[in-house]
Amino acid sequence: MATVTGNTKDSALGTYNDLPITAVTTTKLRMDITNPSHDTDNRARLQEIEVHGY
């Protein structure tokens, strides 16, 4: 699990959150976004997510 609090990153400026997540074996991925944006549109913007499998 990884948590971002007090986010000040702005992908429009080329700044992103790099989250350290320990590798696990699974068949599912869930993202629980509790506060999606800093303004009133309530949208989460995920620029990229990588999941590697075998």
PDB file of N, CA and C in Angstrom:
ATOM      1  N   MET A   1       0.833  -1.167   0.000  1.00  0.00           N
ATOM      2  CA  MET A   1       0.000   0.000   0.000  1.00  0.00           C
ATOM      3  C   MET A   1       0.883   1.237   0.000  1.00  0.00           C
ATOM      4  N   ALA A   2       0.448   2.234  -0.721  1.00  0.00           N
ATOM      5  CA  ALA A   2       1.168   3.511  -0.767  1.00  0.00           C
ATOM      6  C   ALA A   2       0.162   4.630  -0.567  1.00  0.00           C
ATOM      7  N   THR A   3       0.588   5.676   0.112  1.00  0.00           N
ATOM      8  CA  THR A   3      -0.293   6.800   0.400  1.00  0.00           C
ATOM      9  C   THR A   3       0.383   8.108   0.003  1.00  0.00           C
ATOM     10  N   VAL A   4      -0.376   8.975  -0.624  1.00  0.00           N
ATOM     11  CA  VAL A   4       0.095  10.314  -0.934  1.00  0.00           C
ATOM     12  C   VAL A   4      -0.758  11.292  -0.135  1.00  0.00           C
ATOM     13  N   THR A   5      -0.114  12.142   0.662  1.00  0.00           N
ATOM     14  CA  THR A   5      -0.831  13.169   1.409  1.00  0.00           C
ATOM     15  C   THR A   5      -0.164  14.514   1.146  1.00  0.00           C
ATOM     16  N   GLY A   6      -0.962  15.562   1.144  1.00  0.00           N
ATOM     17  CA  GLY A   6      -0.408  16.890   0.901  1.00  0.00           C
ATOM     18  C   GLY A   6       0.256  17.016  -0.455  1.00  0.00           C
ATOM     19  N   ASN A   7      -0.350  16.437  -1.461  1.00  0.00           N
ATOM     20  CA  ASN A   7       0.250  16.407  -2.791  1.00  0.00           C
ATOM     21  C   ASN A   7       0.412  17.811  -3.374  1.00  0.00           C
ATOM     22  N   THR A   8       1.620  18.126  -3.810  1.00  0.00           N
ATOM     23  CA  THR A   8       1.885  19.398  -4.476  1.00  0.00           C
ATOM     24  C   THR A   8       2.454  19.185  -5.875  1.00  0.00           C
ATOM     25  N   LYS A   9       2.472  17.950  -6.334  1.00  0.00           N
ATOM     26  CA  LYS A   9       3.004  17.647  -7.665  1.00  0.00           C
ATOM     27  C   LYS A   9       2.025  18.093  -8.745  1.00  0.00           C
ATOM     28  N   ASP A  10       2.543  18.483  -9.885  1.00  0.00           N
ATOM     29  CA  ASP A  10       1.727  18.946 -10.997  1.00  0.00           C
ATOM     30  C   ASP A  10       2.272  18.335 -12.275  1.00  0.00           C
ATOM     31  N   SER A  11       1.525  17.410 -12.843  1.00  0.00           N
ATOM     32  CA  SER A  11       2.011  16.728 -14.051  1.00  0.00           C
ATOM     33  C   SER A  11       2.161  17.690 -15.217  1.00  0.00           C
ATOM     34  N   ALA A  12       1.412  18.783 -15.226  1.00  0.00           N
ATOM     35  CA  ALA A  12       1.565  19.772 -16.285  1.00  0.00           C
ATOM     36  C   ALA A  12       2.944  20.428 -16.231  1.00  0.00           C
ATOM     37  N   LEU A  13       3.552  20.407 -15.052  1.00  0.00           N
ATOM     38  CA  LEU A  13       4.897  20.954 -14.894  1.00  0.00           C
ATOM     39  C   LEU A  13       5.969  19.867 -14.923  1.00  0.00           C
ATOM     40  N   GLY A  14       5.533  18.621 -15.160  1.00  0.00           N
ATOM     41  CA  GLY A  14       6.484  17.514 -15.232  1.00  0.00           C
ATOM     42  C   GLY A  14       6.900  16.972 -13.881  1.00  0.00           C
ATOM     43  N   THR A  15       6.099  17.198 -12.841  1.00  0.00           N
ATOM     44  CA  THR A  15       6.405  16.645 -11.518  1.00  0.00           C
ATOM     45  C   THR A  15       5.369  15.592 -11.174  1.00  0.00           C
ATOM     46  N   TYR A  16       5.833  14.448 -10.683  1.00  0.00           N
ATOM     47  CA  TYR A  16       4.965  13.305 -10.420  1.00  0.00           C
ATOM     48  C   TYR A  16       5.312  12.688  -9.076  1.00  0.00           C
ATOM     49  N   ASN A  17       4.382  11.933  -8.532  1.00  0.00           N
ATOM     50  CA  ASN A  17       4.635  11.153  -7.325  1.00  0.00           C
ATOM     51  C   ASN A  17       5.156   9.781  -7.739  1.00  0.00           C
ATOM     52  N   ASP A  18       6.311   9.415  -7.252  1.00  0.00           N
ATOM     53  CA  ASP A  18       6.836   8.068  -7.439  1.00  0.00           C
ATOM     54  C   ASP A  18       6.626   7.338  -6.130  1.00  0.00           C
ATOM     55  N   LEU A  19       5.767   6.331  -6.150  1.00  0.00           N
ATOM     56  CA  LEU A  19       5.396   5.635  -4.926  1.00  0.00           C
ATOM     57  C   LEU A  19       6.158   4.330  -4.788  1.00  0.00           C
ATOM     58  N   PRO A  20       6.841   4.134  -3.678  1.00  0.00           N
ATOM     59  CA  PRO A  20       7.527   2.867  -3.447  1.00  0.00           C
ATOM     60  C   PRO A  20       6.522   1.810  -2.987  1.00  0.00           C
ATOM     61  N   ILE A  21       6.351   0.791  -3.795  1.00  0.00           N
ATOM     62  CA  ILE A  21       5.406  -0.279  -3.476  1.00  0.00           C
ATOM     63  C   ILE A  21       6.151  -1.602  -3.532  1.00  0.00           C
ATOM     64  N   THR A  22       6.035  -2.376  -2.474  1.00  0.00           N
ATOM     65  CA  THR A  22       6.687  -3.684  -2.405  1.00  0.00           C
ATOM     66  C   THR A  22       6.009  -4.646  -3.379  1.00  0.00           C
ATOM     67  N   ALA A  23       6.791  -5.404  -4.100  1.00  0.00           N
ATOM     68  CA  ALA A  23       6.262  -6.363  -5.065  1.00  0.00           C
ATOM     69  C   ALA A  23       5.483  -7.467  -4.367  1.00  0.00           C
ATOM     70  N   VAL A  24       4.338  -7.819  -4.944  1.00  0.00           N
ATOM     71  CA  VAL A  24       3.502  -8.911  -4.443  1.00  0.00           C
ATOM     72  C   VAL A  24       2.986  -9.706  -5.634  1.00  0.00           C
ATOM     73  N   THR A  25       2.519 -10.904  -5.372  1.00  0.00           N
ATOM     74  CA  THR A  25       1.876 -11.716  -6.390  1.00  0.00           C
ATOM     75  C   THR A  25       0.373 -11.574  -6.213  1.00  0.00           C
ATOM     76  N   THR A  26      -0.311 -11.160  -7.273  1.00  0.00           N
ATOM     77  CA  THR A  26      -1.754 -10.937  -7.190  1.00  0.00           C
ATOM     78  C   THR A  26      -2.378 -11.027  -8.569  1.00  0.00           C
ATOM     79  N   THR A  27      -3.689 -11.062  -8.613  1.00  0.00           N
ATOM     80  CA  THR A  27      -4.407 -11.044  -9.881  1.00  0.00           C
ATOM     81  C   THR A  27      -5.267  -9.795 -10.015  1.00  0.00           C
ATOM     82  N   LYS A  28      -5.219  -8.920  -9.003  1.00  0.00           N
ATOM     83  CA  LYS A  28      -6.059  -7.724  -9.024  1.00  0.00           C
ATOM     84  C   LYS A  28      -5.292  -6.503  -8.541  1.00  0.00           C
ATOM     85  N   LEU A  29      -5.773  -5.341  -8.946  1.00  0.00           N
ATOM     86  CA  LEU A  29      -5.207  -4.073  -8.508  1.00  0.00           C
ATOM     87  C   LEU A  29      -6.365  -3.146  -8.172  1.00  0.00           C
ATOM     88  N   ARG A  30      -6.319  -2.538  -6.989  1.00  0.00           N
ATOM     89  CA  ARG A  30      -7.354  -1.581  -6.612  1.00  0.00           C
ATOM     90  C   ARG A  30      -6.702  -0.273  -6.200  1.00  0.00           C
ATOM     91  N   MET A  31      -7.268   0.809  -6.688  1.00  0.00           N
ATOM     92  CA  MET A  31      -6.805   2.131  -6.291  1.00  0.00           C
ATOM     93  C   MET A  31      -7.938   2.804  -5.540  1.00  0.00           C
ATOM     94  N   ASP A  32      -7.671   3.242  -4.331  1.00  0.00           N
ATOM     95  CA  ASP A  32      -8.664   3.911  -3.501  1.00  0.00           C
ATOM     96  C   ASP A  32      -8.276   5.383  -3.428  1.00  0.00           C
ATOM     97  N   ILE A  33      -8.927   6.201  -4.216  1.00  0.00           N
ATOM     98  CA  ILE A  33      -8.605   7.620  -4.295  1.00  0.00           C
ATOM     99  C   ILE A  33      -9.631   8.370  -3.456  1.00  0.00           C
ATOM    100  N   THR A  34      -9.177   8.912  -2.325  1.00  0.00           N
ATOM    101  CA  THR A  34     -10.105   9.533  -1.384  1.00  0.00           C
ATOM    102  C   THR A  34     -10.266  11.032  -1.595  1.00  0.00           C
ATOM    103  N   ASN A  35      -9.289  11.691  -2.157  1.00  0.00           N
ATOM    104  CA  ASN A  35      -9.360  13.134  -2.417  1.00  0.00           C
ATOM    105  C   ASN A  35      -8.739  13.373  -3.778  1.00  0.00           C
ATOM    106  N   PRO A  36      -9.523  13.279  -4.853  1.00  0.00           N
ATOM    107  CA  PRO A  36      -8.969  13.212  -6.198  1.00  0.00           C
ATOM    108  C   PRO A  36      -8.270  14.452  -6.709  1.00  0.00           C
ATOM    109  N   SER A  37      -8.693  15.642  -6.318  1.00  0.00           N
ATOM    110  CA  SER A  37      -8.068  16.824  -6.897  1.00  0.00           C
ATOM    111  C   SER A  37      -8.076  17.970  -5.901  1.00  0.00           C
ATOM    112  N   HIS A  38      -7.298  18.978  -6.206  1.00  0.00           N
ATOM    113  CA  HIS A  38      -7.192  20.124  -5.313  1.00  0.00           C
ATOM    114  C   HIS A  38      -8.200  21.222  -5.638  1.00  0.00           C
ATOM    115  N   ASP A  39      -8.991  21.012  -6.661  1.00  0.00           N
ATOM    116  CA  ASP A  39     -10.024  21.991  -6.984  1.00  0.00           C
ATOM    117  C   ASP A  39     -11.404  21.343  -6.865  1.00  0.00           C
ATOM    118  N   THR A  40     -12.386  21.854  -7.522  1.00  0.00           N
ATOM    119  CA  THR A  40     -13.759  21.389  -7.317  1.00  0.00           C
ATOM    120  C   THR A  40     -14.255  20.367  -8.332  1.00  0.00           C
ATOM    121  N   ASP A  41     -13.423  19.890  -9.231  1.00  0.00           N
ATOM    122  CA  ASP A  41     -13.937  18.989 -10.264  1.00  0.00           C
ATOM    123  C   ASP A  41     -14.002  17.521  -9.839  1.00  0.00           C
ATOM    124  N   ASN A  42     -13.377  17.156  -8.719  1.00  0.00           N
ATOM    125  CA  ASN A  42     -13.431  15.790  -8.180  1.00  0.00           C
ATOM    126  C   ASN A  42     -13.017  14.721  -9.180  1.00  0.00           C
ATOM    127  N   ARG A  43     -11.950  14.971  -9.921  1.00  0.00           N
ATOM    128  CA  ARG A  43     -11.440  13.988 -10.878  1.00  0.00           C
ATOM    129  C   ARG A  43     -10.023  13.603 -10.513  1.00  0.00           C
ATOM    130  N   ALA A  44      -9.745  12.338 -10.587  1.00  0.00           N
ATOM    131  CA  ALA A  44      -8.385  11.843 -10.400  1.00  0.00           C
ATOM    132  C   ALA A  44      -7.745  11.728 -11.781  1.00  0.00           C
ATOM    133  N   ARG A  45      -6.534  12.212 -11.903  1.00  0.00           N
ATOM    134  CA  ARG A  45      -5.829  12.145 -13.182  1.00  0.00           C
ATOM    135  C   ARG A  45      -4.594  11.279 -13.009  1.00  0.00           C
ATOM    136  N   LEU A  46      -4.654  10.107 -13.569  1.00  0.00           N
ATOM    137  CA  LEU A  46      -3.543   9.166 -13.496  1.00  0.00           C
ATOM    138  C   LEU A  46      -2.791   9.236 -14.811  1.00  0.00           C
ATOM    139  N   GLN A  47      -1.605   9.774 -14.770  1.00  0.00           N
ATOM    140  CA  GLN A  47      -0.819   9.914 -15.993  1.00  0.00           C
ATOM    141  C   GLN A  47      -0.268   8.579 -16.458  1.00  0.00           C
ATOM    142  N   GLU A  48       0.106   7.754 -15.504  1.00  0.00           N
ATOM    143  CA  GLU A  48       0.683   6.458 -15.865  1.00  0.00           C
ATOM    144  C   GLU A  48       0.648   5.541 -14.659  1.00  0.00           C
ATOM    145  N   ILE A  49       0.350   4.281 -14.920  1.00  0.00           N
ATOM    146  CA  ILE A  49       0.478   3.244 -13.901  1.00  0.00           C
ATOM    147  C   ILE A  49       1.035   2.013 -14.605  1.00  0.00           C
ATOM    148  N   GLU A  50       2.033   1.423 -14.004  1.00  0.00           N
ATOM    149  CA  GLU A  50       2.653   0.238 -14.597  1.00  0.00           C
ATOM    150  C   GLU A  50       2.434  -0.955 -13.692  1.00  0.00           C
ATOM    151  N   VAL A  51       1.990  -2.043 -14.290  1.00  0.00           N
ATOM    152  CA  VAL A  51       1.846  -3.319 -13.583  1.00  0.00           C
ATOM    153  C   VAL A  51       2.555  -4.358 -14.439  1.00  0.00           C
ATOM    154  N   HIS A  52       3.559  -4.966 -13.856  1.00  0.00           N
ATOM    155  CA  HIS A  52       4.322  -5.978 -14.588  1.00  0.00           C
ATOM    156  C   HIS A  52       3.908  -7.363 -14.124  1.00  0.00           C
ATOM    157  N   GLY A  53       3.735  -8.254 -15.065  1.00  0.00           N
ATOM    158  CA  GLY A  53       3.325  -9.611 -14.737  1.00  0.00           C
ATOM    159  C   GLY A  53       4.134 -10.625 -15.514  1.00  0.00           C
ATOM    160  N   TYR A  54       3.869 -11.844 -15.245  1.00  0.00           N
ATOM    161  CA  TYR A  54       4.536 -12.932 -15.960  1.00  0.00           C
ATOM    162  C   TYR A  54       3.561 -14.018 -16.274  1.00  0.00           C
TER     163      TYR A  54
END
